[in-house]
């Protein structure tokens, strides 16, 4: 089959693009599977639908299985039970059947309050990781003696799992937010520092010499050459750091983690409230995807030249 090439031009990155600079559009006469494969949103929706169908099959009672589901509810609850857990965590409800006393959400907080508490901890930890990691990375990339002295400690922190020093942080700072923020900071700090070093190492000396030949001071070189050059690597480092912070949040909220979505996931798991645990996992995953998408959108705005020839 021949796909019409009218109105298309060759793109510097390879392949064809339309006259507006986007990827080549798929002809309406192309086979359905080709159009579906080219449409990312359609592909994602199909994958999600397939996942939900498999989940439904595994959790639905079947006659051939003695009216039992393939997976017991303790291990994999049904979709309706997870939805009910989500609704319960966001409403005021009786503490138990037949009891008049009502409680708010789970453990006295709505689900959004648990999520907001966790986001605040991650935000503070990530903020200090950027504030300290960025200038330290600049210094390590510029001053050899600082790089030689500090790099082993950065690698030491990077190789340690959070559970390895959470007990020590609790001894030092107690079980309140301070120890949790410290743990999230230590998880996010190495990726940002390393990304900054990589960004500075990728700067061409010709760019610096050109700025200096035009009379730029050292501060102007940093602001006009160094910062724009390291921006793509720094944003990538922030994305990686944010991912590390999310994977660390449950460990950070193991002790006195309420309110907190990680603490809620942990406590619900220990109490065998599997639907609530899965609800927390889904909320964490969706929130992480949304935040990563926001950072990627910011990257396209702040570094529009990235990926262009």
Protein backbone atom coordinates (compact mmCIF):
# COMPACT_ATOMS: atom_id res chain seq x y z
CA UNK A 1 0.00 0.00 0.00
CA UNK A 2 1.26 3.49 -0.90
CA UNK A 3 0.68 6.22 1.68
CA UNK A 4 0.30 9.69 0.12
CA UNK A 5 3.31 11.87 0.77
CA UNK A 6 1.76 15.13 -0.38
CA UNK A 7 2.38 17.96 2.08
CA UNK A 8 5.13 16.10 3.93
CA UNK A 9 8.78 16.97 4.22
CA UNK A 10 11.85 15.32 5.62
CA UNK A 11 12.47 16.00 9.31
CA UNK A 12 16.07 16.55 10.55
CA UNK A 13 15.65 13.89 13.24
CA UNK A 14 14.91 11.31 10.58
CA UNK A 15 11.69 10.31 8.90
CA UNK A 16 8.87 12.39 7.54
CA UNK A 17 7.02 15.26 9.13
CA UNK A 18 4.10 17.38 8.10
CA UNK A 19 4.58 21.03 7.20
CA UNK A 20 3.88 22.04 10.79
CA UNK A 21 6.89 20.07 12.05
CA UNK A 22 4.97 17.18 13.64
CA UNK A 23 5.25 13.46 12.86
CA UNK A 24 3.84 12.21 9.63
CA UNK A 25 0.10 11.60 9.81
CA UNK A 26 -1.15 8.11 9.08
CA UNK A 27 -3.42 7.91 6.06
CA UNK A 28 -7.08 7.15 6.72
CA UNK A 29 -6.76 4.37 4.17
CA UNK A 30 -4.10 2.63 6.26
CA UNK A 31 -5.12 -0.63 7.99
CA UNK A 32 -6.85 -0.30 11.37
CA UNK A 33 -3.99 -1.90 13.29
CA UNK A 34 -1.55 0.63 11.80
CA UNK A 35 -3.73 3.57 12.86
CA UNK A 36 -4.19 2.12 16.36
CA UNK A 37 -0.45 1.50 16.72
CA UNK A 38 0.33 5.10 15.76
CA UNK A 39 -2.21 6.53 18.23
CA UNK A 40 -0.60 6.32 21.66
CA UNK A 41 -3.76 7.15 23.57
CA UNK A 42 -5.69 4.41 21.83
CA UNK A 43 -2.93 1.94 22.60
CA UNK A 44 -2.92 2.96 26.26
CA UNK A 45 -6.70 2.65 26.54
CA UNK A 46 -6.61 -0.80 24.98
CA UNK A 47 -3.87 -1.86 27.43
CA UNK A 48 -5.90 -0.50 30.36
CA UNK A 49 -9.03 -2.28 29.17
CA UNK A 50 -7.10 -5.55 28.82
CA UNK A 51 -5.70 -5.13 32.34
CA UNK A 52 -9.19 -4.53 33.79
CA UNK A 53 -10.60 -7.55 31.94
CA UNK A 54 -7.86 -9.80 33.35
CA UNK A 55 -8.48 -8.35 36.82
CA UNK A 56 -12.22 -9.02 36.45
CA UNK A 57 -11.62 -12.60 35.28
CA UNK A 58 -9.31 -13.34 38.23
CA UNK A 59 -11.70 -11.90 40.86
CA UNK A 60 -15.08 -13.10 39.58
CA UNK A 61 -16.60 -16.28 41.09
CA UNK A 62 -16.90 -19.03 38.46
CA UNK A 63 -19.18 -22.09 38.57
CA UNK A 64 -16.42 -24.34 37.28
CA UNK A 65 -14.28 -23.19 40.23
CA UNK A 66 -16.91 -23.98 42.88
CA UNK A 67 -18.36 -20.43 42.75
CA UNK A 68 -15.02 -19.08 43.89
CA UNK A 69 -12.76 -16.56 42.17
CA UNK A 70 -9.43 -17.67 40.77
CA UNK A 71 -7.69 -15.26 43.17
CA UNK A 72 -8.99 -15.04 46.72
CA UNK A 73 -10.16 -11.54 47.79
CA UNK A 74 -7.43 -11.41 50.44
CA UNK A 75 -4.79 -11.50 47.71
CA UNK A 76 -6.62 -9.68 44.91
CA UNK A 77 -9.95 -7.99 45.72
CA UNK A 78 -12.52 -7.31 43.03
CA UNK A 79 -12.76 -4.00 41.20
CA UNK A 80 -16.05 -3.05 43.00
CA UNK A 81 -14.49 -3.71 46.41
CA UNK A 82 -11.52 -1.47 45.58
CA UNK A 83 -13.93 1.23 44.39
CA UNK A 84 -15.93 0.91 47.62
CA UNK A 85 -12.70 1.27 49.61
CA UNK A 86 -11.92 4.45 47.65
CA UNK A 87 -15.39 5.88 48.38
CA UNK A 88 -15.16 4.91 52.05
CA UNK A 89 -11.76 6.61 52.37
CA UNK A 90 -13.27 9.85 51.05
CA UNK A 91 -16.50 9.97 53.07
CA UNK A 92 -17.84 10.02 56.61
CA UNK A 93 -19.17 6.55 57.43
CA UNK A 94 -20.17 4.39 60.43
CA UNK A 95 -17.22 2.87 62.22
CA UNK A 96 -18.87 -0.54 61.86
CA UNK A 97 -22.17 -2.04 60.76
CA UNK A 98 -24.96 -1.37 63.23
CA UNK A 99 -22.91 1.27 65.09
CA UNK A 100 -24.08 4.89 65.16
CA UNK A 101 -20.63 6.36 65.69
CA UNK A 102 -19.18 7.81 62.48
CA UNK A 103 -15.59 8.36 61.44
CA UNK A 104 -13.89 10.45 58.77
CA UNK A 105 -12.27 8.55 55.91
CA UNK A 106 -9.53 6.24 57.17
CA UNK A 107 -7.74 6.77 60.49
CA UNK A 108 -9.44 10.13 60.93
CA UNK A 109 -8.41 11.67 57.59
CA UNK A 110 -9.85 11.71 54.09
CA UNK A 111 -7.80 10.04 51.38
CA UNK A 112 -6.94 13.40 49.80
CA UNK A 113 -5.60 14.57 53.18
CA UNK A 114 -3.34 11.52 53.36
CA UNK A 115 -2.12 12.25 49.84
CA UNK A 116 -1.59 15.95 50.54
CA UNK A 117 0.50 15.18 53.65
CA UNK A 118 2.74 12.88 51.60
CA UNK A 119 3.06 15.42 48.79
CA UNK A 120 4.13 18.07 51.29
CA UNK A 121 6.87 15.80 52.64
CA UNK A 122 8.06 14.88 49.15
CA UNK A 123 7.92 18.52 48.05
CA UNK A 124 10.04 19.72 50.97
CA UNK A 125 12.56 16.90 50.56
CA UNK A 126 12.82 17.50 46.82
CA UNK A 127 13.14 21.26 47.30
CA UNK A 128 16.15 20.91 49.61
CA UNK A 129 17.64 18.26 47.30
CA UNK A 130 17.54 20.80 44.44
CA UNK A 131 18.75 23.72 46.57
CA UNK A 132 21.77 21.73 47.82
CA UNK A 133 22.34 19.28 44.95
CA UNK A 134 22.40 21.88 42.15
CA UNK A 135 25.17 24.15 43.51
CA UNK A 136 27.11 21.14 44.80
CA UNK A 137 26.95 19.55 41.35
CA UNK A 138 28.16 22.80 39.78
CA UNK A 139 31.09 22.95 42.20
CA UNK A 140 31.99 19.29 41.71
CA UNK A 141 31.98 19.71 37.93
CA UNK A 142 34.10 22.88 38.11
CA UNK A 143 36.56 22.23 40.96
CA UNK A 144 38.50 18.98 40.77
CA UNK A 145 39.42 18.78 44.45
CA UNK A 146 35.78 19.10 45.51
CA UNK A 147 34.77 16.39 43.05
CA UNK A 148 37.45 14.01 44.30
CA UNK A 149 36.53 14.70 47.94
CA UNK A 150 32.73 14.53 47.70
CA UNK A 151 32.02 11.99 44.94
CA UNK A 152 32.62 8.89 47.13
CA UNK A 153 30.03 10.12 49.64
CA UNK A 154 27.48 10.78 46.88
CA UNK A 155 27.97 7.23 45.60
CA UNK A 156 27.76 5.92 49.16
CA UNK A 157 24.37 7.58 49.68
CA UNK A 158 23.16 6.47 46.26
CA UNK A 159 23.91 2.81 46.95
CA UNK A 160 22.16 2.64 50.34
CA UNK A 161 18.50 1.52 50.44
CA UNK A 162 16.26 3.82 52.51
CA UNK A 163 15.49 1.11 55.06
CA UNK A 164 19.23 0.96 55.76
CA UNK A 165 19.27 4.26 57.61
CA UNK A 166 15.66 5.02 58.49
CA UNK A 167 16.24 3.69 62.01
CA UNK A 168 19.22 5.98 62.49
CA UNK A 169 17.23 9.00 61.26
CA UNK A 170 14.47 8.21 63.76
CA UNK A 171 17.06 8.09 66.56
CA UNK A 172 18.49 11.43 65.45
CA UNK A 173 15.29 13.33 64.56
CA UNK A 174 12.42 11.40 66.15
CA UNK A 175 9.34 9.97 64.45
CA UNK A 176 7.78 13.23 63.33
CA UNK A 177 8.05 14.83 59.89
CA UNK A 178 11.72 15.77 60.26
CA UNK A 179 13.02 12.20 59.90
CA UNK A 180 10.65 11.55 56.99
CA UNK A 181 11.75 14.67 55.12
CA UNK A 182 15.39 13.82 55.72
CA UNK A 183 14.86 10.36 54.27
CA UNK A 184 13.13 11.74 51.17
CA UNK A 185 15.89 14.35 50.81
CA UNK A 186 18.58 11.65 50.93
CA UNK A 187 16.71 9.67 48.26
CA UNK A 188 16.37 12.66 45.91
CA UNK A 189 19.71 14.37 46.52
CA UNK A 190 22.16 12.05 44.64
CA UNK A 191 20.25 11.94 41.30
CA UNK A 192 20.03 15.74 41.14
CA UNK A 193 23.71 16.19 41.97
CA UNK A 194 24.81 13.60 39.42
CA UNK A 195 22.51 15.05 36.74
CA UNK A 196 23.99 18.52 37.32
CA UNK A 197 27.53 17.17 36.97
CA UNK A 198 26.56 15.39 33.74
CA UNK A 199 25.01 18.58 32.38
CA UNK A 200 28.07 20.69 33.10
CA UNK A 201 30.38 18.03 31.65
CA UNK A 202 28.44 18.20 28.39
CA UNK A 203 29.02 21.93 27.89
CA UNK A 204 31.34 22.67 24.98
CA UNK A 205 34.30 24.90 25.79
CA UNK A 206 33.64 26.86 22.60
CA UNK A 207 30.38 28.13 24.11
CA UNK A 208 32.16 29.38 27.22
CA UNK A 209 34.98 30.97 25.20
CA UNK A 210 32.46 32.69 22.94
CA UNK A 211 30.66 34.21 25.94
CA UNK A 212 33.94 35.31 27.51
CA UNK A 213 35.12 36.87 24.26
CA UNK A 214 31.99 39.00 24.28
CA UNK A 215 32.96 40.33 27.71
CA UNK A 216 30.72 38.13 29.87
CA UNK A 217 31.70 37.88 33.52
CA UNK A 218 31.89 34.52 35.32
CA UNK A 219 28.41 35.05 36.74
CA UNK A 220 27.06 35.92 33.29
CA UNK A 221 28.67 32.80 31.83
CA UNK A 222 26.92 30.70 34.47
CA UNK A 223 23.54 32.37 33.91
CA UNK A 224 23.64 32.58 30.10
CA UNK A 225 25.61 29.44 29.18
CA UNK A 226 25.86 26.97 32.05
CA UNK A 227 22.29 27.06 33.38
CA UNK A 228 20.57 26.74 29.97
CA UNK A 229 23.01 23.97 29.00
CA UNK A 230 22.40 21.88 32.11
CA UNK A 231 18.62 22.49 32.18
CA UNK A 232 17.69 19.31 30.23
CA UNK A 233 19.91 17.09 32.40
CA UNK A 234 18.72 18.82 35.57
CA UNK A 235 15.06 18.30 34.70
CA UNK A 236 15.78 14.64 33.95
CA UNK A 237 17.52 14.41 37.32
CA UNK A 238 14.48 15.93 39.03
CA UNK A 239 12.23 13.36 37.36
CA UNK A 240 14.47 10.53 38.54
CA UNK A 241 14.70 12.04 42.02
CA UNK A 242 10.93 12.34 42.23
CA UNK A 243 10.62 8.67 41.29
CA UNK A 244 13.09 7.72 44.02
CA UNK A 245 11.13 9.84 46.50
CA UNK A 246 7.91 8.00 45.65
CA UNK A 247 9.57 4.61 46.06
CA UNK A 248 10.92 5.77 49.42
CA UNK A 249 7.72 7.30 50.78
CA UNK A 250 6.29 4.09 52.26
CA UNK A 251 9.55 3.48 54.14
CA UNK A 252 9.54 7.11 55.28
CA UNK A 253 6.00 6.74 56.63
CA UNK A 254 6.43 3.35 58.31
CA UNK A 255 6.49 5.03 61.73
CA UNK A 256 3.89 7.64 62.63
CA UNK A 257 3.03 8.02 58.96
CA UNK A 258 -0.60 9.06 59.47
CA UNK A 259 -1.68 11.22 57.75
CA UNK A 260 0.22 9.96 54.72
CA UNK A 261 -0.65 7.82 51.73
CA UNK A 262 2.41 5.61 52.29
CA UNK A 263 1.58 5.16 55.96
CA UNK A 264 -2.03 4.37 55.04
CA UNK A 265 -0.90 1.74 52.52
CA UNK A 266 1.37 0.16 55.13
CA UNK A 267 -1.19 0.10 57.96
CA UNK A 268 -3.98 -1.19 55.74
CA UNK A 269 -1.69 -3.99 54.58
CA UNK A 270 -0.82 -5.03 58.13
CA UNK A 271 -4.55 -5.11 58.95
CA UNK A 272 -5.31 -7.18 55.82
CA UNK A 273 -7.45 -4.42 54.29
CA UNK A 274 -6.34 -5.37 50.80
CA UNK A 275 -8.89 -3.22 48.91
CA UNK A 276 -7.66 -0.13 50.75
CA UNK A 277 -4.03 -1.09 50.16
CA UNK A 278 -4.63 -1.43 46.42
CA UNK A 279 -6.53 1.88 46.46
CA UNK A 280 -3.47 3.57 47.97
CA UNK A 281 -1.18 1.93 45.40
CA UNK A 282 -3.37 3.13 42.53
CA UNK A 283 -3.56 6.67 43.94
CA UNK A 284 0.22 6.79 44.39
CA UNK A 285 0.78 5.53 40.84
CA UNK A 286 -1.68 7.96 39.23
CA UNK A 287 -0.30 10.90 41.23
CA UNK A 288 3.27 10.00 40.25
CA UNK A 289 2.28 9.81 36.57
CA UNK A 290 0.52 13.19 36.74
CA UNK A 291 3.50 14.86 38.43
CA UNK A 292 5.91 13.35 35.91
CA UNK A 293 3.70 14.58 33.05
CA UNK A 294 3.73 18.09 34.55
CA UNK A 295 7.53 18.05 34.74
CA UNK A 296 7.75 16.85 31.13
CA UNK A 297 5.41 19.65 30.05
CA UNK A 298 7.61 22.15 31.91
CA UNK A 299 10.65 20.65 30.18
CA UNK A 300 9.10 21.29 26.76
CA UNK A 301 8.47 24.92 27.74
CA UNK A 302 11.83 25.59 29.40
CA UNK A 303 13.99 23.68 26.91
CA UNK A 304 12.17 23.98 23.56
CA UNK A 305 15.39 23.27 21.68
CA UNK A 306 15.82 19.79 23.14
CA UNK A 307 15.45 16.98 20.64
CA UNK A 308 15.65 19.32 17.66
CA UNK A 309 18.40 19.11 15.11
